[in-house]
All heavy atoms as atom14 arrays in JSON, in Angstrom:
{
  "sequence": "SVADPYRWLEDDVRVNEDVATWVDAQNAVTDEYLGTLP",
  "atom14_mask": [
    [1, 1, 1, 1, 1, 1, 0, 0, 0, 0, 0, 0, 0, 0],
    [1, 1, 1, 1, 1, 1, 1, 0, 0, 0, 0, 0, 0, 0],
    [1, 1, 1, 1, 1, 0, 0, 0, 0, 0, 0, 0, 0, 0],
    [1, 1, 1, 1, 1, 1, 1, 1, 0, 0, 0, 0, 0, 0],
    [1, 1, 1, 1, 1, 1, 1, 0, 0, 0, 0, 0, 0, 0],
    [1, 1, 1, 1, 1, 1, 1, 1, 1, 1, 1, 1, 0, 0],
    [1, 1, 1, 1, 1, 1, 1, 1, 1, 1, 1, 0, 0, 0],
    [1, 1, 1, 1, 1, 1, 1, 1, 1, 1, 1, 1, 1, 1],
    [1, 1, 1, 1, 1, 1, 1, 1, 0, 0, 0, 0, 0, 0],
    [1, 1, 1, 1, 1, 1, 1, 1, 1, 0, 0, 0, 0, 0],
    [1, 1, 1, 1, 1, 1, 1, 1, 0, 0, 0, 0, 0, 0],
    [1, 1, 1, 1, 1, 1, 1, 1, 0, 0, 0, 0, 0, 0],
    [1, 1, 1, 1, 1, 1, 1, 0, 0, 0, 0, 0, 0, 0],
    [1, 1, 1, 1, 1, 1, 1, 1, 1, 1, 1, 0, 0, 0],
    [1, 1, 1, 1, 1, 1, 1, 0, 0, 0, 0, 0, 0, 0],
    [1, 1, 1, 1, 1, 1, 1, 1, 0, 0, 0, 0, 0, 0],
    [1, 1, 1, 1, 1, 1, 1, 1, 1, 0, 0, 0, 0, 0],
    [1, 1, 1, 1, 1, 1, 1, 1, 0, 0, 0, 0, 0, 0],
    [1, 1, 1, 1, 1, 1, 1, 0, 0, 0, 0, 0, 0, 0],
    [1, 1, 1, 1, 1, 0, 0, 0, 0, 0, 0, 0, 0, 0],
    [1, 1, 1, 1, 1, 1, 1, 0, 0, 0, 0, 0, 0, 0],
    [1, 1, 1, 1, 1, 1, 1, 1, 1, 1, 1, 1, 1, 1],
    [1, 1, 1, 1, 1, 1, 1, 0, 0, 0, 0, 0, 0, 0],
    [1, 1, 1, 1, 1, 1, 1, 1, 0, 0, 0, 0, 0, 0],
    [1, 1, 1, 1, 1, 0, 0, 0, 0, 0, 0, 0, 0, 0],
    [1, 1, 1, 1, 1, 1, 1, 1, 1, 0, 0, 0, 0, 0],
    [1, 1, 1, 1, 1, 1, 1, 1, 0, 0, 0, 0, 0, 0],
    [1, 1, 1, 1, 1, 0, 0, 0, 0, 0, 0, 0, 0, 0],
    [1, 1, 1, 1, 1, 1, 1, 0, 0, 0, 0, 0, 0, 0],
    [1, 1, 1, 1, 1, 1, 1, 0, 0, 0, 0, 0, 0, 0],
    [1, 1, 1, 1, 1, 1, 1, 1, 0, 0, 0, 0, 0, 0],
    [1, 1, 1, 1, 1, 1, 1, 1, 1, 0, 0, 0, 0, 0],
    [1, 1, 1, 1, 1, 1, 1, 1, 1, 1, 1, 1, 0, 0],
    [1, 1, 1, 1, 1, 1, 1, 1, 0, 0, 0, 0, 0, 0],
    [1, 1, 1, 1, 0, 0, 0, 0, 0, 0, 0, 0, 0, 0],
    [1, 1, 1, 1, 1, 1, 1, 0, 0, 0, 0, 0, 0, 0],
    [1, 1, 1, 1, 1, 1, 1, 1, 0, 0, 0, 0, 0, 0],
    [1, 1, 1, 1, 1, 1, 1, 0, 0, 0, 0, 0, 0, 0]
  ],
  "atom14_positions": [
    [[-187.59, -78.51, 92.63], [-186.21, -78.51, 92.14], [-185.78, -76.97, 91.96], [-186.46, -76.23, 91.27], [-186.2, -79.18, 90.71], [-184.88, -79.01, 90.19], [0.0, 0.0, 0.0], [0.0, 0.0, 0.0], [0.0, 0.0, 0.0], [0.0, 0.0, 0.0], [0.0, 0.0, 0.0], [0.0, 0.0, 0.0], [0.0, 0.0, 0.0], [0.0, 0.0, 0.0]],
    [[-184.65, -76.67, 92.59], [-184.18, -75.32, 92.66], [-182.87, -75.18, 91.98], [-181.9, -75.85, 92.35], [-184.09, -74.83, 94.09], [-183.56, -73.34, 94.12], [-185.37, -74.86, 94.85], [0.0, 0.0, 0.0], [0.0, 0.0, 0.0], [0.0, 0.0, 0.0], [0.0, 0.0, 0.0], [0.0, 0.0, 0.0], [0.0, 0.0, 0.0], [0.0, 0.0, 0.0]],
    [[-182.8, -74.36, 90.89], [-181.52, -74.31, 90.18], [-180.58, -73.31, 90.97], [-181.06, -72.32, 91.58], [-181.8, -73.67, 88.78], [0.0, 0.0, 0.0], [0.0, 0.0, 0.0], [0.0, 0.0, 0.0], [0.0, 0.0, 0.0], [0.0, 0.0, 0.0], [0.0, 0.0, 0.0], [0.0, 0.0, 0.0], [0.0, 0.0, 0.0], [0.0, 0.0, 0.0]],
    [[-179.35, -73.62, 90.83], [-178.27, -72.81, 91.43], [-177.15, -72.68, 90.47], [-176.07, -73.26, 90.66], [-177.86, -73.34, 92.74], [-176.94, -72.46, 93.61], [-176.7, -71.31, 93.09], [-176.56, -72.75, 94.61], [0.0, 0.0, 0.0], [0.0, 0.0, 0.0], [0.0, 0.0, 0.0], [0.0, 0.0, 0.0], [0.0, 0.0, 0.0], [0.0, 0.0, 0.0]],
    [[-177.3, -71.96, 89.38], [-176.36, -71.99, 88.26], [-174.98, -71.37, 88.6], [-174.01, -71.48, 87.93], [-177.06, -71.25, 87.04], [-178.07, -70.33, 87.8], [-178.45, -71.11, 89.03], [0.0, 0.0, 0.0], [0.0, 0.0, 0.0], [0.0, 0.0, 0.0], [0.0, 0.0, 0.0], [0.0, 0.0, 0.0], [0.0, 0.0, 0.0], [0.0, 0.0, 0.0]],
    [[-174.97, -70.53, 89.69], [-173.72, -69.9, 90.01], [-173.12, -70.4, 91.32], [-172.42, -69.66, 92.01], [-174.04, -68.34, 90.18], [-174.55, -67.76, 88.89], [-175.94, -67.33, 88.84], [-173.81, -67.61, 87.71], [-176.45, -66.82, 87.62], [-174.33, -67.14, 86.56], [-175.74, -66.81, 86.56], [-176.23, -66.2, 85.35], [0.0, 0.0, 0.0], [0.0, 0.0, 0.0]],
    [[-173.36, -71.63, 91.59], [-172.9, -72.33, 92.87], [-171.38, -72.15, 92.99], [-170.76, -71.96, 94.03], [-173.29, -73.69, 92.84], [-172.69, -74.62, 93.97], [-173.44, -74.31, 95.39], [-174.81, -74.55, 95.25], [-175.38, -75.74, 95.53], [-174.62, -76.77, 95.73], [-176.74, -75.89, 95.43], [0.0, 0.0, 0.0], [0.0, 0.0, 0.0], [0.0, 0.0, 0.0]],
    [[-170.67, -72.24, 91.83], [-169.11, -72.1, 91.93], [-168.67, -70.81, 92.48], [-167.6, -70.74, 93.01], [-168.54, -72.37, 90.56], [-168.92, -71.32, 89.54], [-170.08, -71.1, 88.77], [-168.08, -70.19, 89.17], [-169.96, -70.07, 87.96], [-168.77, -69.48, 88.06], [-166.74, -69.82, 89.44], [-168.2, -68.3, 87.49], [-166.16, -68.65, 88.9], [-166.93, -67.97, 87.88]],
    [[-169.5, -69.83, 92.44], [-169.05, -68.54, 93.06], [-169.0, -68.4, 94.58], [-168.6, -67.53, 95.17], [-169.89, -67.36, 92.4], [-169.73, -66.97, 91.05], [-170.78, -65.97, 90.52], [-168.32, -66.45, 90.77], [0.0, 0.0, 0.0], [0.0, 0.0, 0.0], [0.0, 0.0, 0.0], [0.0, 0.0, 0.0], [0.0, 0.0, 0.0], [0.0, 0.0, 0.0]],
    [[-169.48, -69.46, 95.13], [-169.4, -69.6, 96.62], [-168.04, -69.87, 97.14], [-167.7, -69.63, 98.28], [-170.36, -70.76, 97.07], [-171.84, -70.5, 96.96], [-172.68, -71.69, 97.4], [-172.12, -72.79, 97.66], [-173.92, -71.53, 97.49], [0.0, 0.0, 0.0], [0.0, 0.0, 0.0], [0.0, 0.0, 0.0], [0.0, 0.0, 0.0], [0.0, 0.0, 0.0]],
    [[-167.1, -70.38, 96.16], [-165.79, -70.72, 96.59], [-164.99, -69.46, 97.09], [-165.22, -68.33, 96.67], [-164.96, -71.42, 95.48], [-165.56, -72.81, 95.18], [-166.39, -73.3, 95.92], [-165.08, -73.42, 94.21], [0.0, 0.0, 0.0], [0.0, 0.0, 0.0], [0.0, 0.0, 0.0], [0.0, 0.0, 0.0], [0.0, 0.0, 0.0], [0.0, 0.0, 0.0]],
    [[-164.03, -69.73, 98.03], [-163.2, -68.66, 98.48], [-162.32, -68.16, 97.42], [-161.63, -68.88, 96.67], [-162.35, -69.24, 99.64], [-161.55, -68.2, 100.37], [-161.39, -67.09, 99.84], [-161.22, -68.44, 101.6], [0.0, 0.0, 0.0], [0.0, 0.0, 0.0], [0.0, 0.0, 0.0], [0.0, 0.0, 0.0], [0.0, 0.0, 0.0], [0.0, 0.0, 0.0]],
    [[-162.24, -66.81, 97.26], [-161.54, -66.1, 96.18], [-159.97, -66.49, 96.33], [-159.32, -66.41, 95.39], [-161.74, -64.63, 96.21], [-161.22, -63.99, 97.54], [-161.19, -63.97, 95.02], [0.0, 0.0, 0.0], [0.0, 0.0, 0.0], [0.0, 0.0, 0.0], [0.0, 0.0, 0.0], [0.0, 0.0, 0.0], [0.0, 0.0, 0.0], [0.0, 0.0, 0.0]],
    [[-159.48, -66.76, 97.59], [-158.13, -67.1, 97.78], [-157.83, -68.55, 97.32], [-156.62, -68.86, 97.28], [-157.78, -66.89, 99.27], [-157.6, -65.49, 99.74], [-157.76, -65.39, 101.21], [-159.14, -65.58, 101.6], [-160.13, -64.67, 101.71], [-159.69, -63.36, 101.55], [-161.34, -64.95, 102.11], [0.0, 0.0, 0.0], [0.0, 0.0, 0.0], [0.0, 0.0, 0.0]],
    [[-158.84, -69.33, 97.15], [-158.68, -70.74, 96.86], [-158.96, -71.08, 95.38], [-158.23, -71.84, 94.71], [-159.49, -71.63, 97.76], [-159.39, -73.09, 97.4], [-159.12, -71.37, 99.2], [0.0, 0.0, 0.0], [0.0, 0.0, 0.0], [0.0, 0.0, 0.0], [0.0, 0.0, 0.0], [0.0, 0.0, 0.0], [0.0, 0.0, 0.0], [0.0, 0.0, 0.0]],
    [[-159.91, -70.43, 94.81], [-160.5, -70.71, 93.43], [-160.01, -69.66, 92.53], [-160.47, -68.44, 92.62], [-161.97, -70.82, 93.5], [-162.48, -71.42, 92.07], [-162.04, -71.01, 91.07], [-163.48, -72.33, 92.14], [0.0, 0.0, 0.0], [0.0, 0.0, 0.0], [0.0, 0.0, 0.0], [0.0, 0.0, 0.0], [0.0, 0.0, 0.0], [0.0, 0.0, 0.0]],
    [[-159.05, -69.97, 91.69], [-158.56, -68.87, 90.67], [-159.63, -68.39, 89.79], [-159.55, -67.19, 89.4], [-157.38, -69.47, 89.9], [-156.11, -69.76, 90.82], [-154.98, -70.22, 89.93], [-155.11, -70.26, 88.67], [-153.93, -70.51, 90.56], [0.0, 0.0, 0.0], [0.0, 0.0, 0.0], [0.0, 0.0, 0.0], [0.0, 0.0, 0.0], [0.0, 0.0, 0.0]],
    [[-160.63, -69.24, 89.37], [-161.62, -68.78, 88.51], [-162.52, -67.63, 89.23], [-162.91, -66.7, 88.58], [-162.51, -69.88, 88.12], [-161.81, -70.92, 87.14], [-160.87, -70.41, 86.51], [-162.2, -72.04, 87.12], [0.0, 0.0, 0.0], [0.0, 0.0, 0.0], [0.0, 0.0, 0.0], [0.0, 0.0, 0.0], [0.0, 0.0, 0.0], [0.0, 0.0, 0.0]],
    [[-162.74, -67.89, 90.46], [-163.54, -66.92, 91.26], [-162.73, -65.54, 91.36], [-163.23, -64.47, 91.18], [-163.82, -67.39, 92.63], [-164.56, -66.26, 93.5], [-164.72, -68.57, 92.54], [0.0, 0.0, 0.0], [0.0, 0.0, 0.0], [0.0, 0.0, 0.0], [0.0, 0.0, 0.0], [0.0, 0.0, 0.0], [0.0, 0.0, 0.0], [0.0, 0.0, 0.0]],
    [[-161.39, -65.66, 91.6], [-160.52, -64.45, 91.65], [-160.53, -63.73, 90.34], [-160.62, -62.48, 90.32], [-159.07, -64.89, 92.04], [0.0, 0.0, 0.0], [0.0, 0.0, 0.0], [0.0, 0.0, 0.0], [0.0, 0.0, 0.0], [0.0, 0.0, 0.0], [0.0, 0.0, 0.0], [0.0, 0.0, 0.0], [0.0, 0.0, 0.0], [0.0, 0.0, 0.0]],
    [[-160.42, -64.41, 89.22], [-160.51, -63.79, 87.95], [-161.78, -63.13, 87.74], [-161.85, -61.96, 87.22], [-160.29, -64.9, 86.79], [-159.06, -65.47, 86.97], [-160.35, -64.26, 85.42], [0.0, 0.0, 0.0], [0.0, 0.0, 0.0], [0.0, 0.0, 0.0], [0.0, 0.0, 0.0], [0.0, 0.0, 0.0], [0.0, 0.0, 0.0], [0.0, 0.0, 0.0]],
    [[-162.98, -63.77, 88.07], [-164.28, -63.16, 88.0], [-164.38, -61.86, 88.82], [-164.88, -60.86, 88.42], [-165.3, -64.18, 88.45], [-166.77, -63.67, 88.36], [-167.55, -63.79, 87.28], [-167.46, -63.07, 89.41], [-168.77, -63.23, 87.63], [-168.76, -62.77, 88.87], [-167.23, -62.73, 90.73], [-169.75, -62.13, 89.64], [-168.18, -62.04, 91.47], [-169.42, -61.82, 90.98]],
    [[-163.83, -61.86, 90.09], [-163.8, -60.72, 90.89], [-163.06, -59.54, 90.28], [-163.47, -58.43, 90.25], [-163.23, -61.11, 92.34], [-162.88, -59.76, 93.12], [-164.2, -61.96, 93.13], [0.0, 0.0, 0.0], [0.0, 0.0, 0.0], [0.0, 0.0, 0.0], [0.0, 0.0, 0.0], [0.0, 0.0, 0.0], [0.0, 0.0, 0.0], [0.0, 0.0, 0.0]],
    [[-161.92, -59.82, 89.7], [-161.13, -58.76, 89.1], [-161.86, -58.18, 87.92], [-161.91, -57.02, 87.79], [-159.77, -59.31, 88.62], [-158.81, -59.7, 89.69], [-159.05, -59.17, 90.84], [-157.91, -60.44, 89.5], [0.0, 0.0, 0.0], [0.0, 0.0, 0.0], [0.0, 0.0, 0.0], [0.0, 0.0, 0.0], [0.0, 0.0, 0.0], [0.0, 0.0, 0.0]],
    [[-162.59, -59.04, 87.14], [-163.32, -58.56, 85.98], [-164.46, -57.64, 86.43], [-164.78, -56.62, 85.74], [-163.77, -59.69, 85.15], [0.0, 0.0, 0.0], [0.0, 0.0, 0.0], [0.0, 0.0, 0.0], [0.0, 0.0, 0.0], [0.0, 0.0, 0.0], [0.0, 0.0, 0.0], [0.0, 0.0, 0.0], [0.0, 0.0, 0.0], [0.0, 0.0, 0.0]],
    [[-165.22, -58.1, 87.45], [-166.34, -57.31, 87.93], [-165.8, -55.96, 88.56], [-166.47, -54.9, 88.23], [-167.05, -57.99, 89.01], [-167.87, -59.24, 88.57], [-169.11, -58.85, 87.82], [-169.62, -57.71, 87.86], [-169.82, -59.84, 87.09], [0.0, 0.0, 0.0], [0.0, 0.0, 0.0], [0.0, 0.0, 0.0], [0.0, 0.0, 0.0], [0.0, 0.0, 0.0]],
    [[-164.8, -55.98, 89.32], [-164.25, -54.71, 89.78], [-163.76, -53.74, 88.77], [-163.9, -52.55, 88.84], [-163.08, -54.99, 90.74], [-163.59, -55.27, 92.2], [-164.69, -54.86, 92.57], [-162.69, -55.85, 93.03], [0.0, 0.0, 0.0], [0.0, 0.0, 0.0], [0.0, 0.0, 0.0], [0.0, 0.0, 0.0], [0.0, 0.0, 0.0], [0.0, 0.0, 0.0]],
    [[-163.26, -54.32, 87.63], [-162.73, -53.44, 86.56], [-163.92, -52.74, 85.92], [-163.83, -51.51, 85.65], [-162.0, -54.29, 85.55], [0.0, 0.0, 0.0], [0.0, 0.0, 0.0], [0.0, 0.0, 0.0], [0.0, 0.0, 0.0], [0.0, 0.0, 0.0], [0.0, 0.0, 0.0], [0.0, 0.0, 0.0], [0.0, 0.0, 0.0], [0.0, 0.0, 0.0]],
    [[-165.0, -53.41, 85.68], [-166.23, -52.76, 85.09], [-166.78, -51.74, 86.05], [-167.08, -50.58, 85.71], [-167.23, -53.77, 84.79], [-168.58, -53.08, 84.37], [-166.79, -54.72, 83.63], [0.0, 0.0, 0.0], [0.0, 0.0, 0.0], [0.0, 0.0, 0.0], [0.0, 0.0, 0.0], [0.0, 0.0, 0.0], [0.0, 0.0, 0.0], [0.0, 0.0, 0.0]],
    [[-166.9, -52.08, 87.38], [-167.47, -51.15, 88.32], [-166.48, -50.01, 88.55], [-166.98, -48.81, 88.57], [-167.6, -51.85, 89.68], [-168.47, -53.01, 89.56], [-168.19, -50.96, 90.81], [0.0, 0.0, 0.0], [0.0, 0.0, 0.0], [0.0, 0.0, 0.0], [0.0, 0.0, 0.0], [0.0, 0.0, 0.0], [0.0, 0.0, 0.0], [0.0, 0.0, 0.0]],
    [[-165.25, -50.17, 88.63], [-164.29, -49.03, 88.81], [-164.36, -48.04, 87.69], [-164.32, -46.84, 87.84], [-162.93, -49.55, 89.07], [-162.72, -50.25, 90.31], [-163.58, -50.15, 91.17], [-161.64, -50.94, 90.43], [0.0, 0.0, 0.0], [0.0, 0.0, 0.0], [0.0, 0.0, 0.0], [0.0, 0.0, 0.0], [0.0, 0.0, 0.0], [0.0, 0.0, 0.0]],
    [[-164.44, -48.65, 86.41], [-164.59, -47.74, 85.22], [-165.87, -46.9, 85.35], [-165.78, -45.69, 85.06], [-164.52, -48.56, 84.01], [-164.55, -47.72, 82.71], [-164.53, -48.6, 81.48], [-164.58, -49.77, 81.59], [-164.6, -47.93, 80.33], [0.0, 0.0, 0.0], [0.0, 0.0, 0.0], [0.0, 0.0, 0.0], [0.0, 0.0, 0.0], [0.0, 0.0, 0.0]],
    [[-166.91, -47.5, 85.59], [-168.21, -46.77, 85.65], [-168.17, -45.76, 86.8], [-168.56, -44.56, 86.61], [-169.4, -47.72, 85.99], [-170.74, -47.07, 86.08], [-171.47, -46.73, 84.91], [-171.19, -46.69, 87.34], [-172.63, -46.02, 85.06], [-172.41, -46.0, 87.43], [-173.08, -45.7, 86.36], [-174.3, -45.08, 86.44], [0.0, 0.0, 0.0], [0.0, 0.0, 0.0]],
    [[-167.8, -46.12, 88.05], [-167.77, -45.17, 89.19], [-166.83, -44.02, 88.85], [-166.97, -42.83, 89.28], [-167.3, -45.93, 90.43], [-168.26, -46.92, 90.9], [-167.67, -47.64, 92.2], [-169.62, -46.28, 91.32], [0.0, 0.0, 0.0], [0.0, 0.0, 0.0], [0.0, 0.0, 0.0], [0.0, 0.0, 0.0], [0.0, 0.0, 0.0], [0.0, 0.0, 0.0]],
    [[-165.73, -44.25, 88.06], [-164.82, -43.24, 87.76], [-165.44, -42.09, 86.86], [-164.86, -41.03, 86.69], [0.0, 0.0, 0.0], [0.0, 0.0, 0.0], [0.0, 0.0, 0.0], [0.0, 0.0, 0.0], [0.0, 0.0, 0.0], [0.0, 0.0, 0.0], [0.0, 0.0, 0.0], [0.0, 0.0, 0.0], [0.0, 0.0, 0.0], [0.0, 0.0, 0.0]],
    [[-166.55, -42.46, 86.17], [-167.21, -41.54, 85.32], [-168.17, -40.66, 86.03], [-168.77, -39.71, 85.49], [-167.89, -42.23, 84.12], [-169.0, -43.04, 84.7], [-167.04, -43.07, 83.32], [0.0, 0.0, 0.0], [0.0, 0.0, 0.0], [0.0, 0.0, 0.0], [0.0, 0.0, 0.0], [0.0, 0.0, 0.0], [0.0, 0.0, 0.0], [0.0, 0.0, 0.0]],
    [[-168.54, -40.94, 87.29], [-169.53, -40.21, 87.97], [-169.02, -38.75, 88.26], [-168.0, -38.67, 88.86], [-169.88, -40.9, 89.32], [-170.58, -42.31, 89.24], [-170.69, -42.95, 90.65], [-171.85, -42.21, 88.52], [0.0, 0.0, 0.0], [0.0, 0.0, 0.0], [0.0, 0.0, 0.0], [0.0, 0.0, 0.0], [0.0, 0.0, 0.0], [0.0, 0.0, 0.0]],
    [[-169.8, -37.78, 87.92], [-169.3, -36.44, 87.89], [-169.04, -35.88, 89.33], [-168.15, -35.06, 89.51], [-170.42, -35.6, 87.26], [-171.66, -36.44, 87.42], [-171.24, -37.84, 87.32], [0.0, 0.0, 0.0], [0.0, 0.0, 0.0], [0.0, 0.0, 0.0], [0.0, 0.0, 0.0], [0.0, 0.0, 0.0], [0.0, 0.0, 0.0], [0.0, 0.0, 0.0]]
  ]
}
């Protein structure tokens, strides 16, 4: 038995609004961090 708790993230970002929202949230955290690199 193999768990796949993030299966919903396989959906196309153009089709699944929840995936699109998740992508925006991840990019926001990443962009903020990268912006602090000296």
